Amino acid sequence: MPTNKGIVCDYCAAKDFEGLRYCCEICKNYDLCDACYNNGEESLQHSKSHPMNCISEPIIRQ
């Protein structure tokens, strides 16, 4: 299971979370953890209708 070091879910604020990460193609620097993506979470900044990229290989941010 990949760990997303240095990544924070922009909905639930989980940091360094395990599992898949989803990046919005419209919102700049907007990431969701697997759980929030699968629950269809959205915020004032992000709509669940926005296309998302699934990142299966973690990127380590310094």
Protein backbone atom coordinates (compact mmCIF):
# COMPACT_ATOMS: atom_id res chain seq x y z
CA MET A 1 0.00 0.00 0.00
CA PRO A 2 1.62 3.31 -1.05
CA THR A 3 2.19 5.99 1.57
CA ASN A 4 1.86 9.57 0.39
CA LYS A 5 4.65 11.28 2.36
CA GLY A 6 4.27 15.05 2.63
CA ILE A 7 0.76 15.01 1.13
CA VAL A 8 -2.31 16.26 3.02
CA CYS A 9 -5.86 15.41 2.01
CA ASP A 10 -7.57 18.73 1.31
CA TYR A 11 -10.89 17.47 2.68
CA CYS A 12 -10.18 15.49 5.88
CA ALA A 13 -6.64 16.84 6.50
CA ALA A 14 -5.10 13.35 6.77
CA LYS A 15 -1.32 13.69 6.41
CA ASP A 16 1.07 11.09 4.97
CA PHE A 17 -1.95 8.86 4.26
CA GLU A 18 -1.75 5.34 2.83
CA GLY A 19 -3.54 4.26 -0.30
CA LEU A 20 -4.43 5.94 -3.54
CA ARG A 21 -4.29 9.71 -3.97
CA TYR A 22 -6.53 11.70 -6.28
CA CYS A 23 -5.47 15.05 -7.79
CA CYS A 24 -8.00 17.47 -9.24
CA GLU A 25 -7.34 18.46 -12.87
CA ILE A 26 -9.00 21.86 -12.30
CA CYS A 27 -8.20 22.95 -8.73
CA LYS A 28 -4.53 23.80 -8.29
CA ASN A 29 -2.78 21.54 -5.77
CA TYR A 30 -6.00 19.84 -4.57
CA ASP A 31 -5.52 16.27 -3.35
CA LEU A 32 -7.97 13.77 -1.88
CA CYS A 33 -7.23 10.55 -0.04
CA ASP A 34 -8.88 7.36 -1.28
CA ALA A 35 -11.61 7.45 1.40
CA CYS A 36 -12.68 11.04 0.69
CA TYR A 37 -12.66 10.46 -3.06
CA ASN A 38 -14.79 7.31 -2.75
CA ASN A 39 -17.24 9.14 -0.46
CA GLY A 40 -17.67 11.87 -3.11
CA GLU A 41 -16.52 14.63 -0.78
CA GLU A 42 -16.50 18.21 -2.07
CA SER A 43 -15.81 21.63 -0.61
CA LEU A 44 -16.24 25.28 -1.51
CA GLN A 45 -12.93 25.05 -3.39
CA HIS A 46 -13.62 21.75 -5.18
CA SER A 47 -16.64 20.19 -6.87
CA LYS A 48 -16.99 16.41 -7.12
CA SER A 49 -17.86 16.93 -10.80
CA HIS A 50 -14.23 17.98 -11.49
CA PRO A 51 -12.11 15.35 -13.28
CA MET A 52 -9.58 13.67 -11.00
CA ASN A 53 -6.33 11.84 -11.69
CA CYS A 54 -5.62 8.71 -9.66
CA ILE A 55 -2.01 8.64 -8.45
CA SER A 56 -1.06 5.05 -7.61
CA GLU A 57 2.67 5.70 -7.22
CA PRO A 58 3.32 8.10 -4.34
CA ILE A 59 5.30 11.30 -4.83
CA ILE A 60 7.37 12.31 -1.82
CA ARG A 61 7.18 16.05 -1.14
CA GLN A 62 10.00 17.55 0.88
